[in-house]
PDB file of N, CA and C in Angstrom:
ATOM      1  N   UNK A   1       1.061  -1.104   0.015  1.00  0.00           N
ATOM      2  CA  UNK A   1      -0.283  -0.150  -0.193  1.00  0.00           C
ATOM      3  C   UNK A   1       0.855   0.975  -0.361  1.00  0.00           C
ATOM      4  N   UNK A   2       1.427   2.154  -1.383  1.00  0.00           N
ATOM      5  CA  UNK A   2       1.843   3.163  -0.536  1.00  0.00           C
ATOM      6  C   UNK A   2       1.191   4.572  -0.121  1.00  0.00           C
ATOM      7  N   UNK A   3      -0.238   4.437  -0.101  1.00  0.00           N
ATOM      8  CA  UNK A   3      -0.939   5.560   0.594  1.00  0.00           C
ATOM      9  C   UNK A   3      -0.101   5.976   1.761  1.00  0.00           C
ATOM     10  N   UNK A   4       0.129   6.634   2.959  1.00  0.00           N
ATOM     11  CA  UNK A   4      -0.226   6.441   4.157  1.00  0.00           C
ATOM     12  C   UNK A   4      -0.854   8.023   4.941  1.00  0.00           C
ATOM     13  N   UNK A   5      -1.583   6.693   6.359  1.00  0.00           N
ATOM     14  CA  UNK A   5      -2.396   7.825   7.010  1.00  0.00           C
ATOM     15  C   UNK A   5      -1.146   7.705   8.669  1.00  0.00           C
ATOM     16  N   UNK A   6      -1.540   9.208   8.840  1.00  0.00           N
ATOM     17  CA  UNK A   6      -1.110   9.421   9.932  1.00  0.00           C
ATOM     18  C   UNK A   6      -1.171  10.119  10.841  1.00  0.00           C
ATOM     19  N   UNK A   7      -0.705  10.100  11.845  1.00  0.00           N
ATOM     20  CA  UNK A   7      -1.627  10.119  13.594  1.00  0.00           C
ATOM     21  C   UNK A   7      -0.673  11.310  13.854  1.00  0.00           C
ATOM     22  N   UNK A   8      -1.355  12.316  14.441  1.00  0.00           N
ATOM     23  CA  UNK A   8      -0.693  13.281  14.972  1.00  0.00           C
ATOM     24  C   UNK A   8      -1.210  13.551  16.176  1.00  0.00           C
ATOM     25  N   UNK A   9       0.482  14.109  16.638  1.00  0.00           N
ATOM     26  CA  UNK A   9       0.464  13.994  18.576  1.00  0.00           C
ATOM     27  C   UNK A   9       0.817  15.261  18.281  1.00  0.00           C
ATOM     28  N   UNK A  10       0.828  15.632  19.635  1.00  0.00           N
ATOM     29  CA  UNK A  10       2.044  16.364  20.032  1.00  0.00           C
ATOM     30  C   UNK A  10       3.200  16.376  21.170  1.00  0.00           C
ATOM     31  N   UNK A  11       3.987  17.279  20.713  1.00  0.00           N
ATOM     32  CA  UNK A  11       5.369  16.350  21.819  1.00  0.00           C
ATOM     33  C   UNK A  11       5.881  17.726  23.074  1.00  0.00           C
ATOM     34  N   UNK A  12       5.788  17.234  23.891  1.00  0.00           N
ATOM     35  CA  UNK A  12       6.871  18.654  24.841  1.00  0.00           C
ATOM     36  C   UNK A  12       8.399  18.383  24.851  1.00  0.00           C
ATOM     37  N   UNK A  13       9.194  19.307  24.530  1.00  0.00           N
ATOM     38  CA  UNK A  13      11.064  18.905  24.948  1.00  0.00           C
ATOM     39  C   UNK A  13      11.143  20.609  25.488  1.00  0.00           C
ATOM     40  N   UNK A  14      12.194  19.838  26.631  1.00  0.00           N
ATOM     41  CA  UNK A  14      12.990  21.220  27.472  1.00  0.00           C
ATOM     42  C   UNK A  14      14.162  20.578  26.957  1.00  0.00           C
ATOM     43  N   UNK A  15      15.434  21.332  27.265  1.00  0.00           N
ATOM     44  CA  UNK A  15      17.166  21.436  27.559  1.00  0.00           C
ATOM     45  C   UNK A  15      16.809  22.686  28.033  1.00  0.00           C
ATOM     46  N   UNK A  16      18.805  21.991  28.986  1.00  0.00           N
ATOM     47  CA  UNK A  16      19.237  23.313  29.420  1.00  0.00           C
ATOM     48  C   UNK A  16      20.284  24.116  27.885  1.00  0.00           C
ATOM     49  N   UNK A  17      20.091  22.967  26.827  1.00  0.00           N
ATOM     50  CA  UNK A  17      21.601  23.578  26.329  1.00  0.00           C
ATOM     51  C   UNK A  17      21.117  23.931  24.509  1.00  0.00           C
ATOM     52  N   UNK A  18      19.733  23.975  24.431  1.00  0.00           N
ATOM     53  CA  UNK A  18      18.929  24.738  23.242  1.00  0.00           C
ATOM     54  C   UNK A  18      17.820  24.328  22.851  1.00  0.00           C
ATOM     55  N   UNK A  19      17.544  24.632  21.703  1.00  0.00           N
ATOM     56  CA  UNK A  19      16.351  25.099  21.662  1.00  0.00           C
ATOM     57  C   UNK A  19      16.003  23.170  20.570  1.00  0.00           C
ATOM     58  N   UNK A  20      17.277  23.328  19.148  1.00  0.00           N
ATOM     59  CA  UNK A  20      17.038  22.322  18.554  1.00  0.00           C
ATOM     60  C   UNK A  20      17.484  20.956  19.444  1.00  0.00           C
ATOM     61  N   UNK A  21      18.134  20.731  20.654  1.00  0.00           N
ATOM     62  CA  UNK A  21      18.614  19.922  21.350  1.00  0.00           C
ATOM     63  C   UNK A  21      16.888  19.097  22.028  1.00  0.00           C
ATOM     64  N   UNK A  22      16.019  20.057  22.732  1.00  0.00           N
ATOM     65  CA  UNK A  22      15.161  19.959  23.094  1.00  0.00           C
ATOM     66  C   UNK A  22      14.080  19.310  22.340  1.00  0.00           C
ATOM     67  N   UNK A  23      14.042  19.295  20.775  1.00  0.00           N
ATOM     68  CA  UNK A  23      13.358  18.741  19.945  1.00  0.00           C
ATOM     69  C   UNK A  23      13.492  17.142  19.633  1.00  0.00           C
ATOM     70  N   UNK A  24      14.755  17.338  20.071  1.00  0.00           N
ATOM     71  CA  UNK A  24      16.294  15.687  19.999  1.00  0.00           C
ATOM     72  C   UNK A  24      15.503  15.059  21.041  1.00  0.00           C
ATOM     73  N   UNK A  25      15.230  15.191  22.966  1.00  0.00           N
ATOM     74  CA  UNK A  25      14.462  14.763  23.102  1.00  0.00           C
ATOM     75  C   UNK A  25      13.288  14.589  23.647  1.00  0.00           C
ATOM     76  N   UNK A  26      12.364  15.199  22.721  1.00  0.00           N
ATOM     77  CA  UNK A  26      11.263  14.885  22.886  1.00  0.00           C
ATOM     78  C   UNK A  26      10.949  14.314  22.048  1.00  0.00           C
ATOM     79  N   UNK A  27      11.747  13.856  20.284  1.00  0.00           N
ATOM     80  CA  UNK A  27      11.666  13.020  18.682  1.00  0.00           C
ATOM     81  C   UNK A  27      11.851  12.191  19.874  1.00  0.00           C
ATOM     82  N   UNK A  28      12.976  11.432  20.808  1.00  0.00           N
ATOM     83  CA  UNK A  28      13.839  10.087  21.361  1.00  0.00           C
ATOM     84  C   UNK A  28      13.117   9.870  22.016  1.00  0.00           C
ATOM     85  N   UNK A  29      12.084  10.361  23.039  1.00  0.00           N
ATOM     86  CA  UNK A  29      11.255  10.089  23.830  1.00  0.00           C
ATOM     87  C   UNK A  29      10.515   8.948  23.349  1.00  0.00           C
ATOM     88  N   UNK A  30       9.338   9.963  22.513  1.00  0.00           N
ATOM     89  CA  UNK A  30       8.829   9.418  21.437  1.00  0.00           C
ATOM     90  C   UNK A  30       8.508   7.527  20.739  1.00  0.00           C
ATOM     91  N   UNK A  31       9.922   7.745  19.694  1.00  0.00           N
ATOM     92  CA  UNK A  31      10.310   7.057  19.523  1.00  0.00           C
ATOM     93  C   UNK A  31      10.694   5.960  20.296  1.00  0.00           C
ATOM     94  N   UNK A  32      10.722   5.511  21.484  1.00  0.00           N
ATOM     95  CA  UNK A  32      10.666   4.471  22.755  1.00  0.00           C
ATOM     96  C   UNK A  32       9.633   3.969  22.799  1.00  0.00           C
ATOM     97  N   UNK A  33       8.576   4.312  21.921  1.00  0.00           N
ATOM     98  CA  UNK A  33       7.549   3.739  21.903  1.00  0.00           C
ATOM     99  C   UNK A  33       6.505   3.278  21.679  1.00  0.00           C
ATOM    100  N   UNK A  34       7.304   4.999  20.463  1.00  0.00           N
ATOM    101  CA  UNK A  34       5.810   4.285  19.465  1.00  0.00           C
ATOM    102  C   UNK A  34       6.301   4.628  17.731  1.00  0.00           C
ATOM    103  N   UNK A  35       6.191   4.229  17.009  1.00  0.00           N
ATOM    104  CA  UNK A  35       6.513   3.033  16.047  1.00  0.00           C
ATOM    105  C   UNK A  35       6.810   4.304  14.668  1.00  0.00           C
ATOM    106  N   UNK A  36       7.428   4.220  13.637  1.00  0.00           N
ATOM    107  CA  UNK A  36       6.993   5.088  12.634  1.00  0.00           C
ATOM    108  C   UNK A  36       6.930   6.573  12.254  1.00  0.00           C
ATOM    109  N   UNK A  37       7.310   7.077  13.218  1.00  0.00           N
ATOM    110  CA  UNK A  37       7.217   9.227  13.410  1.00  0.00           C
ATOM    111  C   UNK A  37       8.073   8.631  11.915  1.00  0.00           C
ATOM    112  N   UNK A  38       7.783  10.411  11.747  1.00  0.00           N
ATOM    113  CA  UNK A  38       7.743  10.504  10.472  1.00  0.00           C
ATOM    114  C   UNK A  38       7.800  11.971   9.598  1.00  0.00           C
ATOM    115  N   UNK A  39       7.753  12.847  10.740  1.00  0.00           N
ATOM    116  CA  UNK A  39       8.348  14.330  10.515  1.00  0.00           C
ATOM    117  C   UNK A  39       7.528  14.776  12.366  1.00  0.00           C
ATOM    118  N   UNK A  40       7.940  16.076  11.608  1.00  0.00           N
ATOM    119  CA  UNK A  40       7.159  16.756  13.092  1.00  0.00           C
ATOM    120  C   UNK A  40       7.595  18.092  12.511  1.00  0.00           C
ATOM    121  N   UNK A  41       6.229  19.276  13.036  1.00  0.00           N
ATOM    122  CA  UNK A  41       6.823  20.494  13.518  1.00  0.00           C
ATOM    123  C   UNK A  41       6.899  21.108  14.264  1.00  0.00           C
ATOM    124  N   UNK A  42       7.296  22.458  14.675  1.00  0.00           N
ATOM    125  CA  UNK A  42       7.721  23.722  15.897  1.00  0.00           C
ATOM    126  C   UNK A  42       6.116  24.211  15.342  1.00  0.00           C
ATOM    127  N   UNK A  43       5.274  23.585  17.065  1.00  0.00           N
ATOM    128  CA  UNK A  43       4.696  24.907  17.028  1.00  0.00           C
ATOM    129  C   UNK A  43       4.926  25.952  18.315  1.00  0.00           C
ATOM    130  N   UNK A  44       6.047  26.356  18.854  1.00  0.00           N
ATOM    131  CA  UNK A  44       6.701  27.093  19.862  1.00  0.00           C
ATOM    132  C   UNK A  44       7.218  26.594  20.839  1.00  0.00           C
ATOM    133  N   UNK A  45       7.814  26.997  20.333  1.00  0.00           N
ATOM    134  CA  UNK A  45       8.820  27.652  21.476  1.00  0.00           C
ATOM    135  C   UNK A  45       8.962  29.132  22.975  1.00  0.00           C
ATOM    136  N   UNK A  46       9.972  28.193  23.512  1.00  0.00           N
ATOM    137  CA  UNK A  46       9.552  29.139  24.663  1.00  0.00           C
ATOM    138  C   UNK A  46      11.098  28.592  25.826  1.00  0.00           C
ATOM    139  N   UNK A  47      11.274  29.771  26.829  1.00  0.00           N
ATOM    140  CA  UNK A  47      12.417  28.712  27.698  1.00  0.00           C
ATOM    141  C   UNK A  47      11.624  29.410  29.541  1.00  0.00           C
ATOM    142  N   UNK A  48      12.855  29.046  29.895  1.00  0.00           N
ATOM    143  CA  UNK A  48      12.768  29.681  31.325  1.00  0.00           C
ATOM    144  C   UNK A  48      14.121  30.733  31.932  1.00  0.00           C
ATOM    145  N   UNK A  49      13.732  31.858  32.094  1.00  0.00           N
ATOM    146  CA  UNK A  49      14.692  32.439  32.606  1.00  0.00           C
ATOM    147  C   UNK A  49      15.177  32.447  34.106  1.00  0.00           C
ATOM    148  N   UNK A  50      16.773  32.747  34.537  1.00  0.00           N
ATOM    149  CA  UNK A  50      16.995  32.677  36.140  1.00  0.00           C
ATOM    150  C   UNK A  50      17.901  33.347  36.356  1.00  0.00           C
ATOM    151  N   UNK A  51      18.374  34.490  36.484  1.00  0.00           N
ATOM    152  CA  UNK A  51      19.670  35.008  37.056  1.00  0.00           C
ATOM    153  C   UNK A  51      19.290  35.805  36.539  1.00  0.00           C
ATOM    154  N   UNK A  52      18.541  35.889  35.225  1.00  0.00           N
ATOM    155  CA  UNK A  52      19.385  36.948  34.260  1.00  0.00           C
ATOM    156  C   UNK A  52      19.151  36.694  32.952  1.00  0.00           C
ATOM    157  N   UNK A  53      18.985  34.766  33.381  1.00  0.00           N
ATOM    158  CA  UNK A  53      19.568  34.256  31.709  1.00  0.00           C
ATOM    159  C   UNK A  53      19.232  33.807  31.634  1.00  0.00           C
ATOM    160  N   UNK A  54      19.324  32.262  30.326  1.00  0.00           N
ATOM    161  CA  UNK A  54      18.463  31.718  30.184  1.00  0.00           C
ATOM    162  C   UNK A  54      18.636  30.818  30.793  1.00  0.00           C
ATOM    163  N   UNK A  55      18.023  29.960  31.198  1.00  0.00           N
ATOM    164  CA  UNK A  55      17.729  28.622  32.567  1.00  0.00           C
ATOM    165  C   UNK A  55      17.434  27.955  31.078  1.00  0.00           C
ATOM    166  N   UNK A  56      16.505  27.233  30.659  1.00  0.00           N
ATOM    167  CA  UNK A  56      15.491  26.286  29.690  1.00  0.00           C
ATOM    168  C   UNK A  56      15.207  26.259  28.783  1.00  0.00           C
ATOM    169  N   UNK A  57      14.869  25.368  27.919  1.00  0.00           N
ATOM    170  CA  UNK A  57      14.430  25.798  26.255  1.00  0.00           C
ATOM    171  C   UNK A  57      13.279  25.291  26.661  1.00  0.00           C
ATOM    172  N   UNK A  58      12.816  24.747  25.986  1.00  0.00           N
ATOM    173  CA  UNK A  58      11.861  24.286  25.639  1.00  0.00           C
ATOM    174  C   UNK A  58      10.553  24.857  24.239  1.00  0.00           C
ATOM    175  N   UNK A  59      10.582  23.812  23.992  1.00  0.00           N
ATOM    176  CA  UNK A  59       9.489  23.488  22.406  1.00  0.00           C
ATOM    177  C   UNK A  59       8.214  22.239  22.324  1.00  0.00           C
ATOM    178  N   UNK A  60       6.822  22.995  21.298  1.00  0.00           N
ATOM    179  CA  UNK A  60       6.174  21.674  21.399  1.00  0.00           C
ATOM    180  C   UNK A  60       6.057  21.814  20.734  1.00  0.00           C
ATOM    181  N   UNK A  61       5.833  20.274  20.264  1.00  0.00           N
ATOM    182  CA  UNK A  61       6.497  19.543  18.838  1.00  0.00           C
ATOM    183  C   UNK A  61       4.762  19.012  18.341  1.00  0.00           C
ATOM    184  N   UNK A  62       4.116  19.299  16.978  1.00  0.00           N
ATOM    185  CA  UNK A  62       4.058  18.320  16.377  1.00  0.00           C
ATOM    186  C   UNK A  62       4.541  17.312  16.398  1.00  0.00           C
ATOM    187  N   UNK A  63       4.174  15.443  15.597  1.00  0.00           N
ATOM    188  CA  UNK A  63       5.226  14.833  14.971  1.00  0.00           C
ATOM    189  C   UNK A  63       4.444  13.775  14.571  1.00  0.00           C
ATOM    190  N   UNK A  64       4.493  13.595  13.489  1.00  0.00           N
ATOM    191  CA  UNK A  64       3.461  12.881  12.981  1.00  0.00           C
ATOM    192  C   UNK A  64       3.861  11.529  12.497  1.00  0.00           C
ATOM    193  N   UNK A  65       3.055  10.163  12.789  1.00  0.00           N
ATOM    194  CA  UNK A  65       3.246   9.315  12.739  1.00  0.00           C
ATOM    195  C   UNK A  65       2.636   8.783  11.390  1.00  0.00           C
ATOM    196  N   UNK A  66       3.727   7.318  10.329  1.00  0.00           N
ATOM    197  CA  UNK A  66       2.277   6.431   9.750  1.00  0.00           C
ATOM    198  C   UNK A  66       1.945   5.058  10.807  1.00  0.00           C
ATOM    199  N   UNK A  67       0.412   4.870  10.260  1.00  0.00           N
ATOM    200  CA  UNK A  67      -0.610   3.555  11.016  1.00  0.00           C
ATOM    201  C   UNK A  67       0.091   2.681   9.879  1.00  0.00           C
ATOM    202  N   UNK A  68       0.249   1.598  10.659  1.00  0.00           N
ATOM    203  CA  UNK A  68       0.690   0.048  10.831  1.00  0.00           C
ATOM    204  C   UNK A  68      -0.622  -0.739   8.843  1.00  0.00           C
ATOM    205  N   UNK A  69      -0.003  -0.686   7.583  1.00  0.00           N
ATOM    206  CA  UNK A  69      -1.009  -1.420   7.053  1.00  0.00           C
ATOM    207  C   UNK A  69      -2.011  -2.387   7.052  1.00  0.00           C
ATOM    208  N   UNK A  70      -3.036  -2.266   7.593  1.00  0.00           N
ATOM    209  CA  UNK A  70      -4.514  -3.413   8.284  1.00  0.00           C
ATOM    210  C   UNK A  70      -3.707  -4.458   7.551  1.00  0.00           C
ATOM    211  N   UNK A  71      -4.788  -5.824   8.388  1.00  0.00           N
ATOM    212  CA  UNK A  71      -4.328  -6.992   7.821  1.00  0.00           C
ATOM    213  C   UNK A  71      -4.600  -7.305   7.031  1.00  0.00           C
ATOM    214  N   UNK A  72      -4.265  -8.514   5.423  1.00  0.00           N
ATOM    215  CA  UNK A  72      -5.204  -8.178   4.575  1.00  0.00           C
ATOM    216  C   UNK A  72      -6.771  -8.666   4.415  1.00  0.00           C
ATOM    217  N   UNK A  73      -6.612  -9.526   5.657  1.00  0.00           N
ATOM    218  CA  UNK A  73      -8.203  -9.854   5.737  1.00  0.00           C
ATOM    219  C   UNK A  73      -9.336  -8.624   5.762  1.00  0.00           C
ATOM    220  N   UNK A  74      -8.477  -7.719   6.414  1.00  0.00           N
ATOM    221  CA  UNK A  74      -9.311  -6.395   7.438  1.00  0.00           C
ATOM    222  C   UNK A  74      -9.789  -6.367   6.517  1.00  0.00           C
ATOM    223  N   UNK A  75      -8.821  -6.019   4.672  1.00  0.00           N
ATOM    224  CA  UNK A  75      -9.708  -4.843   3.633  1.00  0.00           C
ATOM    225  C   UNK A  75     -11.267  -5.243   3.661  1.00  0.00           C
ATOM    226  N   UNK A  76     -11.912  -4.651   3.584  1.00  0.00           N
ATOM    227  CA  UNK A  76     -12.981  -4.591   2.307  1.00  0.00           C
ATOM    228  C   UNK A  76     -13.151  -3.886   1.244  1.00  0.00           C
TER     229      UNK A  76
END
């Protein structure tokens, strides 16, 4: 089957290093329990400030993964 159907979820990630690292943290954690992750989109970026400095970067991302093809006996 060449057509794909995607399930979309929202994920939040954070990092003291960078926005990119916060994205990687969210994707890595989701990959541990979700198969077929294919794409992501950054919805929001924000951060925490402490003592006048950036303490933590936070991102909210939308991620899509393909659904498994149904078993041939289930297709009608």
